[in-house]
Protein backbone atom coordinates (compact mmCIF):
# COMPACT_ATOMS: atom_id res chain seq x y z
CA UNK A 1 0.00 0.00 0.00
CA UNK A 2 1.16 3.58 -0.57
CA UNK A 3 2.44 5.93 2.13
CA UNK A 4 4.68 3.32 3.76
CA UNK A 5 1.81 1.04 4.77
CA UNK A 6 0.14 3.63 7.00
CA UNK A 7 -3.65 3.57 7.08
CA UNK A 8 -5.18 6.96 6.40
CA UNK A 9 -7.84 7.97 8.91
CA UNK A 10 -11.41 8.82 7.99
CA UNK A 11 -11.67 12.40 6.69
CA UNK A 12 -8.24 12.35 4.99
CA UNK A 13 -8.31 14.24 1.68
CA UNK A 14 -6.55 12.80 -1.36
CA UNK A 15 -5.78 14.03 -4.83
CA UNK A 16 -6.21 11.61 -7.75
CA UNK A 17 -2.91 10.99 -9.57
CA UNK A 18 -4.48 9.00 -12.44
CA UNK A 19 -7.87 8.32 -14.03
CA UNK A 20 -9.75 5.34 -12.56
CA UNK A 21 -12.69 3.89 -14.47
CA UNK A 22 -13.63 1.22 -11.91
CA UNK A 23 -14.31 -2.40 -12.76
CA UNK A 24 -17.16 -3.29 -10.36
CA UNK A 25 -20.39 -1.60 -9.24
CA UNK A 26 -18.77 -0.95 -5.84
CA UNK A 27 -15.91 1.13 -7.31
CA UNK A 28 -15.94 4.92 -7.39
CA UNK A 29 -14.62 6.13 -10.77
CA UNK A 30 -12.61 9.36 -10.80
CA UNK A 31 -10.41 11.53 -13.00
CA UNK A 32 -6.87 12.69 -12.42
CA UNK A 33 -6.96 15.82 -10.26
CA UNK A 34 -10.24 15.00 -8.46
CA UNK A 35 -10.27 15.53 -4.70
CA UNK A 36 -11.59 12.54 -2.74
CA UNK A 37 -12.26 12.09 0.97
CA UNK A 38 -11.43 8.81 2.71
CA UNK A 39 -14.36 7.32 4.63
CA UNK A 40 -12.74 4.12 5.92
CA UNK A 41 -10.16 1.45 5.24
CA UNK A 42 -11.35 -1.84 3.71
CA UNK A 43 -10.31 -5.41 4.50
CA UNK A 44 -7.93 -5.19 1.56
CA UNK A 45 -5.16 -2.74 2.57
CA UNK A 46 -4.81 -1.58 -1.05
CA UNK A 47 -8.35 -0.18 -1.21
CA UNK A 48 -10.30 2.51 0.63
CA UNK A 49 -13.94 3.47 0.83
CA UNK A 50 -14.14 7.12 -0.23
CA UNK A 51 -16.50 9.82 -1.48
CA UNK A 52 -16.08 12.46 -4.18
CA UNK A 53 -16.97 16.16 -4.02
CA UNK A 54 -20.47 15.34 -5.30
CA UNK A 55 -21.06 13.01 -2.34
CA UNK A 56 -20.96 9.72 -4.31
CA UNK A 57 -19.29 6.86 -2.45
CA UNK A 58 -17.38 3.74 -3.47
CA UNK A 59 -14.05 1.95 -3.24
CA UNK A 60 -10.83 3.42 -4.65
CA UNK A 61 -7.33 2.00 -5.15
CA UNK A 62 -4.83 3.50 -2.68
CA UNK A 63 -2.00 3.69 -5.19
CA UNK A 64 -4.04 5.90 -7.55
CA UNK A 65 -4.32 8.75 -5.05
CA UNK A 66 -1.96 11.02 -3.16
CA UNK A 67 -2.68 12.06 0.42
CA UNK A 68 -3.05 15.84 0.81
CA UNK A 69 -0.79 17.19 3.51
CA UNK A 70 -0.42 20.57 5.16
CA UNK A 71 2.45 22.45 3.56
CA UNK A 72 5.01 22.49 6.34
CA UNK A 73 8.20 22.93 4.46
CA UNK A 74 11.20 23.42 6.73
CA UNK A 75 12.62 26.04 4.38
CA UNK A 76 10.97 29.26 3.33
CA UNK A 77 8.53 28.73 0.48
CA UNK A 78 9.59 30.93 -2.38
CA UNK A 79 8.23 31.73 -5.82
CA UNK A 80 11.76 32.86 -6.70
CA UNK A 81 14.11 30.45 -4.89
CA UNK A 82 16.89 31.47 -7.32
CA UNK A 83 16.76 35.10 -6.11
CA UNK A 84 19.60 35.78 -3.66
CA UNK A 85 19.02 39.46 -2.86
CA UNK A 86 21.97 41.70 -2.01
CA UNK A 87 25.07 39.61 -2.71
CA UNK A 88 28.24 40.74 -4.47
CA UNK A 89 29.59 39.63 -7.83
CA UNK A 90 32.27 37.56 -6.03
CA UNK A 91 29.73 35.87 -3.76
CA UNK A 92 27.59 34.98 -6.81
CA UNK A 93 30.61 33.42 -8.55
CA UNK A 94 31.42 31.37 -5.44
CA UNK A 95 27.82 30.14 -5.26
CA UNK A 96 27.95 29.05 -8.93
CA UNK A 97 31.12 27.03 -8.34
CA UNK A 98 31.93 24.37 -9.47
CA UNK A 99 30.89 25.68 -12.90
CA UNK A 100 28.04 23.84 -14.57
CA UNK A 101 26.68 25.24 -17.83
CA UNK A 102 23.15 26.60 -17.30
CA UNK A 103 23.41 26.98 -13.50
CA UNK A 104 22.02 30.43 -12.64
CA UNK A 105 20.89 32.88 -9.95
CA UNK A 106 19.58 36.44 -9.81
CA UNK A 107 20.95 39.08 -7.41
CA UNK A 108 20.40 42.77 -6.75
CA UNK A 109 22.84 44.86 -8.76
CA UNK A 110 25.67 46.31 -6.63
CA UNK A 111 26.71 48.93 -9.21
CA UNK A 112 23.20 50.01 -10.22
CA UNK A 113 20.92 50.15 -7.14
CA UNK A 114 17.34 49.20 -8.08
CA UNK A 115 18.44 47.01 -10.99
CA UNK A 116 19.13 43.26 -10.93
CA UNK A 117 21.86 41.00 -12.31
CA UNK A 118 21.36 37.56 -13.86
CA UNK A 119 24.45 35.41 -13.19
CA UNK A 120 24.90 32.34 -15.43
CA UNK A 121 27.60 29.70 -15.42
CA UNK A 122 28.72 28.83 -18.96
CA UNK A 123 31.74 26.92 -20.29
CA UNK A 124 33.67 27.18 -17.02
CA UNK A 125 33.06 30.83 -16.24
CA UNK A 126 30.25 33.03 -14.91
CA UNK A 127 28.58 35.68 -17.09
CA UNK A 128 26.79 38.62 -15.39
CA UNK A 129 23.87 40.22 -17.30
CA UNK A 130 22.47 43.49 -16.06
CA UNK A 131 18.66 43.51 -15.89
CA UNK A 132 17.47 47.06 -16.36
CA UNK A 133 14.21 48.69 -15.30
CA UNK A 134 12.58 50.73 -18.03
CA UNK A 135 9.05 52.15 -17.81
CA UNK A 136 8.17 49.66 -15.10
CA UNK A 137 9.32 46.65 -17.17
CA UNK A 138 12.47 44.52 -16.96
CA UNK A 139 14.85 43.74 -19.82
CA UNK A 140 18.35 42.44 -20.54
CA UNK A 141 18.62 43.40 -24.22
CA UNK A 142 15.97 46.17 -24.45
CA UNK A 143 14.21 44.09 -27.09
CA UNK A 144 12.25 41.67 -24.89
CA UNK A 145 10.48 43.23 -21.89
CA UNK A 146 8.97 41.43 -18.88
CA UNK A 147 6.51 42.29 -16.11
CA UNK A 148 8.60 40.68 -13.38
CA UNK A 149 11.65 38.53 -12.66
CA UNK A 150 9.67 35.29 -12.83
CA UNK A 151 8.56 36.02 -16.40
CA UNK A 152 12.11 36.96 -17.40
CA UNK A 153 13.65 33.78 -15.94
CA UNK A 154 10.90 31.64 -17.47
CA UNK A 155 11.63 33.12 -20.93
CA UNK A 156 15.36 32.32 -20.77
CA UNK A 157 14.78 28.76 -19.50
CA UNK A 158 13.05 28.05 -22.82
CA UNK A 159 15.49 29.88 -25.11
CA UNK A 160 18.99 31.37 -24.68
CA UNK A 161 17.81 34.30 -26.89
CA UNK A 162 21.21 36.03 -26.94
CA UNK A 163 22.55 34.78 -23.60
CA UNK A 164 25.59 32.47 -23.54
CA UNK A 165 23.28 29.54 -22.72
CA UNK A 166 19.67 28.98 -21.78
CA UNK A 167 18.95 28.80 -18.03
CA UNK A 168 18.87 25.15 -16.99
CA UNK A 169 19.36 24.71 -13.28
CA UNK A 170 18.52 27.30 -10.59
CA UNK A 171 20.96 27.76 -7.73
CA UNK A 172 18.52 27.88 -4.84
CA UNK A 173 19.10 30.31 -2.02
CA UNK A 174 19.99 28.39 1.13
CA UNK A 175 16.92 27.64 3.24
CA UNK A 176 14.37 28.21 0.46
CA UNK A 177 12.05 25.71 -1.19
CA UNK A 178 10.41 26.24 -4.57
CA UNK A 179 6.73 26.97 -3.78
CA UNK A 180 5.46 25.30 -6.93
CA UNK A 181 7.26 22.03 -6.12
CA UNK A 182 6.06 22.06 -2.52
CA UNK A 183 2.37 22.63 -3.43
CA UNK A 184 2.65 19.76 -5.93
CA UNK A 185 4.38 17.43 -3.47
CA UNK A 186 1.73 17.99 -0.80
CA UNK A 187 -1.20 17.57 -3.21
CA UNK A 188 -2.44 21.18 -3.43
CA UNK A 189 -1.41 22.13 -6.97
CA UNK A 190 -4.39 22.54 -9.32
CA UNK A 191 -4.36 22.47 -13.10
CA UNK A 192 -4.63 25.94 -14.69
CA UNK A 193 -6.31 24.43 -17.79
CA UNK A 194 -9.22 23.27 -15.61
CA UNK A 195 -9.84 26.74 -14.11
CA UNK A 196 -12.29 29.10 -15.81
CA UNK A 197 -12.30 32.68 -14.54
CA UNK A 198 -15.76 34.27 -14.76
CA UNK A 199 -16.59 37.76 -13.45
CA UNK A 200 -14.49 39.87 -11.08
CA UNK A 201 -16.20 40.32 -7.70
CA UNK A 202 -13.53 42.33 -5.92
CA UNK A 203 -10.50 44.47 -6.68
CA UNK A 204 -7.79 44.99 -4.10
CA UNK A 205 -4.34 46.53 -4.03
CA UNK A 206 -2.93 43.01 -4.42
CA UNK A 207 -5.01 41.74 -7.31
CA UNK A 208 -8.52 40.69 -8.25
CA UNK A 209 -10.95 38.26 -6.68
CA UNK A 210 -12.95 36.39 -9.30
CA UNK A 211 -15.78 33.94 -9.36
CA UNK A 212 -14.56 30.95 -11.30
CA UNK A 213 -15.29 27.36 -12.12
CA UNK A 214 -12.96 24.48 -11.41
CA UNK A 215 -14.10 21.20 -12.94
CA UNK A 216 -17.69 22.35 -12.87
CA UNK A 217 -17.63 23.60 -9.24
CA UNK A 218 -18.15 27.29 -8.50
CA UNK A 219 -15.07 28.68 -6.74
CA UNK A 220 -13.56 31.99 -5.62
CA UNK A 221 -10.13 32.83 -7.01
CA UNK A 222 -7.61 35.36 -5.74
CA UNK A 223 -5.46 36.33 -8.72
CA UNK A 224 -2.18 37.91 -7.64
CA UNK A 225 0.06 39.14 -10.41
CA UNK A 226 2.89 41.08 -8.80
CA UNK A 227 5.86 38.94 -7.80
CA UNK A 228 6.61 40.52 -4.41
CA UNK A 229 2.94 40.49 -3.41
CA UNK A 230 2.45 36.96 -4.68
CA UNK A 231 5.28 35.89 -2.39
CA UNK A 232 3.30 37.13 0.65
CA UNK A 233 0.21 35.22 -0.50
CA UNK A 234 2.21 32.00 -0.80
CA UNK A 235 2.52 32.17 2.98
CA UNK A 236 -1.27 32.62 3.31
CA UNK A 237 -1.94 29.61 1.08
CA UNK A 238 0.53 27.42 2.97
CA UNK A 239 -1.20 28.30 6.27
CA UNK A 240 -4.58 27.43 4.72
CA UNK A 241 -3.35 23.92 3.78
CA UNK A 242 -2.89 23.21 7.48
CA UNK A 243 -6.34 24.36 8.64
CA UNK A 244 -9.63 22.55 8.18
CA UNK A 245 -12.87 23.57 9.90
CA UNK A 246 -16.45 24.12 8.75
CA UNK A 247 -16.29 27.77 9.86
CA UNK A 248 -13.05 28.58 8.04
CA UNK A 249 -13.12 29.37 4.32
CA UNK A 250 -11.67 26.21 2.75
CA UNK A 251 -8.69 26.27 0.42
CA UNK A 252 -9.24 24.05 -2.64
CA UNK A 253 -5.80 24.48 -4.16
CA UNK A 254 -3.11 26.71 -5.59
CA UNK A 255 -1.87 27.41 -9.12
CA UNK A 256 1.61 28.88 -9.54
CA UNK A 257 2.00 30.04 -13.14
CA UNK A 258 5.42 30.14 -14.73
CA UNK A 259 4.99 33.75 -15.74
CA UNK A 260 4.56 34.95 -12.21
CA UNK A 261 0.81 34.82 -11.49
CA UNK A 262 -0.48 33.08 -8.40
CA UNK A 263 -4.07 31.81 -8.10
CA UNK A 264 -5.46 30.86 -4.69
CA UNK A 265 -8.67 28.86 -5.20
CA UNK A 266 -11.14 28.64 -2.31
CA UNK A 267 -14.74 27.61 -1.77
CA UNK A 268 -17.22 30.18 -3.14
CA UNK A 269 -19.18 32.10 -0.50
CA UNK A 270 -22.35 33.20 -2.27
CA UNK A 271 -23.58 35.79 0.24
CA UNK A 272 -20.38 37.80 0.40
CA UNK A 273 -18.74 39.41 3.40
CA UNK A 274 -20.55 39.56 6.73
CA UNK A 275 -20.37 43.33 7.17
CA UNK A 276 -22.09 43.94 3.79
CA UNK A 277 -24.58 41.15 4.48
CA UNK A 278 -25.63 42.78 7.78
CA UNK A 279 -25.79 46.31 6.34
CA UNK A 280 -27.79 45.35 3.26
CA UNK A 281 -30.41 43.28 5.08
CA UNK A 282 -30.71 44.94 8.49
CA UNK A 283 -33.10 44.28 11.37
CA UNK A 284 -36.18 43.65 9.23
CA UNK A 285 -34.60 40.56 7.65
CA UNK A 286 -32.11 39.27 10.22
CA UNK A 287 -33.47 38.09 13.56
CA UNK A 288 -31.67 37.83 16.87
CA UNK A 289 -31.23 34.04 16.46
CA UNK A 290 -29.34 34.61 13.23
CA UNK A 291 -27.01 37.16 14.90
CA UNK A 292 -26.20 34.67 17.64
CA UNK A 293 -25.63 31.93 15.05
CA UNK A 294 -23.09 34.12 13.18
CA UNK A 295 -21.41 34.95 16.51
CA UNK A 296 -21.10 31.25 17.34
CA UNK A 297 -19.90 30.32 13.84
CA UNK A 298 -16.99 32.76 14.14
CA UNK A 299 -16.28 31.74 17.73
CA UNK A 300 -16.02 28.08 16.75
CA UNK A 301 -13.56 28.90 13.96
CA UNK A 302 -11.46 30.94 16.40
CA UNK A 303 -11.60 28.18 19.03
CA UNK A 304 -10.16 25.83 16.39
CA UNK A 305 -7.36 28.32 15.54
CA UNK A 306 -6.69 28.76 19.27
CA UNK A 307 -6.41 24.97 19.75
CA UNK A 308 -3.97 24.77 16.82
CA UNK A 309 -1.84 27.67 18.01
CA UNK A 310 -2.69 30.05 15.18
CA UNK A 311 -3.35 33.77 15.63
CA UNK A 312 -5.53 35.47 13.01
CA UNK A 313 -4.48 39.12 13.70
CA UNK A 314 -7.13 40.73 11.50
CA UNK A 315 -10.46 39.44 12.78
CA UNK A 316 -13.30 41.76 11.69
CA UNK A 317 -16.69 41.41 10.02
CA UNK A 318 -15.11 42.37 6.66
CA UNK A 319 -12.96 39.21 6.91
CA UNK A 320 -15.88 36.87 7.59
CA UNK A 321 -17.80 35.49 4.59
CA UNK A 322 -21.31 34.04 4.42
CA UNK A 323 -22.13 30.88 2.45
CA UNK A 324 -25.23 30.11 0.39
CA UNK A 325 -26.72 28.30 3.41
CA UNK A 326 -25.92 31.26 5.73
CA UNK A 327 -22.90 29.78 7.53
CA UNK A 328 -20.35 32.40 8.58
CA UNK A 329 -16.73 31.46 7.84
CA UNK A 330 -13.54 33.26 8.78
CA UNK A 331 -11.29 34.15 5.84
CA UNK A 332 -8.16 36.15 5.01
CA UNK A 333 -5.32 34.34 6.63
CA UNK A 334 -2.80 36.74 5.11
CA UNK A 335 -1.66 37.83 8.55
CA UNK A 336 -2.18 34.51 10.32
CA UNK A 337 0.98 33.36 12.02
CA UNK A 338 1.85 30.71 14.54
CA UNK A 339 1.00 32.01 18.00
CA UNK A 340 2.73 34.84 19.86
CA UNK A 341 4.62 36.56 17.10
CA UNK A 342 5.25 40.22 16.43
CA UNK A 343 4.75 42.21 13.26
CA UNK A 344 4.88 45.66 11.79
CA UNK A 345 1.96 47.68 13.14
CA UNK A 346 1.97 50.40 10.46
CA UNK A 347 -1.04 48.97 8.61
CA UNK A 348 -3.05 47.65 11.55
CA UNK A 349 -6.79 48.36 11.77
CA UNK A 350 -6.71 50.48 14.94
CA UNK A 351 -10.36 50.05 15.93
CA UNK A 352 -10.13 46.25 15.88
CA UNK A 353 -6.65 45.77 17.34
CA UNK A 354 -6.02 45.25 21.06
CA UNK A 355 -4.09 47.90 23.00
CA UNK A 356 -1.11 45.63 23.69
CA UNK A 357 -0.86 44.62 20.01
CA UNK A 358 -0.80 48.30 18.99
CA UNK A 359 1.59 49.30 21.75
CA UNK A 360 4.02 46.39 21.99
CA UNK A 361 3.28 44.55 18.72
CA UNK A 362 2.27 41.53 20.83
CA UNK A 363 -0.17 39.30 18.97
CA UNK A 364 -1.71 36.30 20.64
CA UNK A 365 -4.99 34.43 20.88
CA UNK A 366 -5.89 37.02 23.53
CA UNK A 367 -5.48 39.88 21.04
CA UNK A 368 -7.79 37.93 18.71
CA UNK A 369 -10.31 37.75 21.61
CA UNK A 370 -10.28 41.57 21.82
CA UNK A 371 -10.97 41.79 18.06
CA UNK A 372 -13.74 39.21 18.45
CA UNK A 373 -15.45 41.52 20.97
CA UNK A 374 -15.36 44.31 18.34
CA UNK A 375 -16.72 41.87 15.74
CA UNK A 376 -19.61 40.97 18.09
CA UNK A 377 -20.39 44.68 18.36
CA UNK A 378 -20.37 44.91 14.54
CA UNK A 379 -22.76 41.95 14.29
CA UNK A 380 -25.26 43.34 16.82
CA UNK A 381 -25.10 46.86 15.35
CA UNK A 382 -25.81 45.44 11.85
CA UNK A 383 -22.43 46.42 10.43
CA UNK A 384 -21.81 49.86 11.91
CA UNK A 385 -18.21 51.07 12.11
CA UNK A 386 -16.94 50.67 15.71
CA UNK A 387 -16.39 53.70 17.98
CA UNK A 388 -18.93 55.88 16.18
CA UNK A 389 -18.43 59.64 16.63
CA UNK A 390 -14.95 59.22 18.17
CA UNK A 391 -12.10 60.56 15.98
CA UNK A 392 -9.62 57.80 15.10
CA UNK A 393 -6.72 59.52 16.89
CA UNK A 394 -8.73 59.55 20.16
CA UNK A 395 -9.74 55.87 20.11
CA UNK A 396 -6.55 54.37 21.57
CA UNK A 397 -6.01 56.90 24.40
CA UNK A 398 -9.64 56.51 25.50
CA UNK A 399 -9.56 52.71 25.30
CA UNK A 400 -6.34 52.59 27.33
CA UNK A 401 -8.10 54.58 30.06
CA UNK A 402 -10.78 51.89 30.21
CA UNK A 403 -13.41 53.25 27.78
CA UNK A 404 -15.75 50.59 26.37
CA UNK A 405 -18.33 51.12 23.64
CA UNK A 406 -21.96 51.12 24.69
CA UNK A 407 -24.18 48.20 23.70
CA UNK A 408 -25.70 48.47 20.21
CA UNK A 409 -29.45 49.18 20.11
CA UNK A 410 -31.45 46.06 20.86
CA UNK A 411 -28.40 43.99 21.85
CA UNK A 412 -29.22 41.47 24.62
CA UNK A 413 -27.54 42.33 27.95
CA UNK A 414 -25.94 38.88 28.13
CA UNK A 415 -24.22 39.39 24.74
CA UNK A 416 -23.02 42.87 25.76
CA UNK A 417 -21.48 41.32 28.90
CA UNK A 418 -19.53 38.94 26.62
CA UNK A 419 -18.26 41.92 24.56
CA UNK A 420 -17.03 43.66 27.71
CA UNK A 421 -15.16 40.53 28.83
CA UNK A 422 -13.32 40.54 25.49
CA UNK A 423 -12.31 44.18 26.11
CA UNK A 424 -10.53 43.52 29.41
CA UNK A 425 -7.34 45.62 29.30
CA UNK A 426 -5.18 42.87 30.82
CA UNK A 427 -4.90 40.22 28.07
CA UNK A 428 -4.35 37.44 30.63
CA UNK A 429 -7.78 38.18 32.12
CA UNK A 430 -9.64 37.81 28.81
CA UNK A 431 -11.59 34.57 28.33
CA UNK A 432 -10.50 31.86 25.90
CA UNK A 433 -12.53 31.23 22.76
CA UNK A 434 -13.64 27.94 24.31
CA UNK A 435 -15.07 29.83 27.30
CA UNK A 436 -16.70 32.37 24.97
CA UNK A 437 -18.35 29.61 22.97
CA UNK A 438 -19.78 28.10 26.16
CA UNK A 439 -21.19 31.48 27.21
CA UNK A 440 -22.81 32.07 23.81
CA UNK A 441 -24.29 28.57 23.77
CA UNK A 442 -25.82 29.20 27.21
CA UNK A 443 -27.33 32.46 25.91
CA UNK A 444 -28.79 30.52 22.95
CA UNK A 445 -30.24 27.85 25.25
CA UNK A 446 -32.24 30.36 27.32
């Protein structure tokens, strides 16, 4: 049996490596690239009972599928593992020794700050080609122009086109792993040919969000085109491969295109983001039971992150999406990091961020609890912006003196008490998400 004779537990996701037509009525046919979920082992260790994304069940051969794993590469996942940053000409030549024709790396230019240099080993010596920036494009010969380094490198791997040799073998920067290889190895790489992009539903500074179709299933697709930005989203996608919960937006897979685009494909959430959902429907449509249900949905997702030592760092109603069947799911793991890390606070959403995270850059599950209290206030105020009528510059000083927002109109006292617990100034005194879930369930039971 595959995977060194280990038996995969129920719920394990696999990716089909080949087509399987099935030979008996009990078999579950599938196509290469289908995602299947293991239901149980069978008496024969080479076969599993499984179901497909349409819910059909049957037996499948173990050696036709690859277990999907969380991407936990020891090295840093990189879209440009051949990029070595600020190194000198001499250091580049040492890295490309012993000479091997076609071995290459890219470095920042030492003589021309802002430009790059492509270093290629050829016939026993290293050639250095200056990559110039012109009108926002990159070029070596000023005949072919490229949007980014990935496109440039991809071009010269196919054709020398004036270089001493075509690029054959990247010299990886120590500690980095090629993102494309890692997503493939762990079973998360999708086939670009199978993805149809339909209309754009969101435009951000990083790229577009589209509705798409992958093998007939409606999906949401983040399309990130800029190489530096795409690199940051690789980290988001790798975090998403490790997380699986009904109240977290589910990653379906990743496509890394040679020419530098990155597509992150997730489940499609038909009713959009929670803050817009609340604002557009309001009190006449959404009852108090529904508000509590959304509050619990988010709390359960956060309890799962808490148990797995992940900190979200940007919990807010704008980062919660609502599915066709009105389940709230937490999204945007761009800032999610393993627990208790620090980060640059320049771009933090002040009204949602805890005082200690703003002051000392300390992020923890407890800072997420503070943000959850703000999100509860957003839910019960039907999407109002927190701290109404207080100028942004005054929010932090007032909060640090113990100011707490008043309860939104019509908010049950018991829910407002939960909000206030989340806004305890001492992070150690804030409740856990598990305790918050218990409180909300008790409110629902009354």
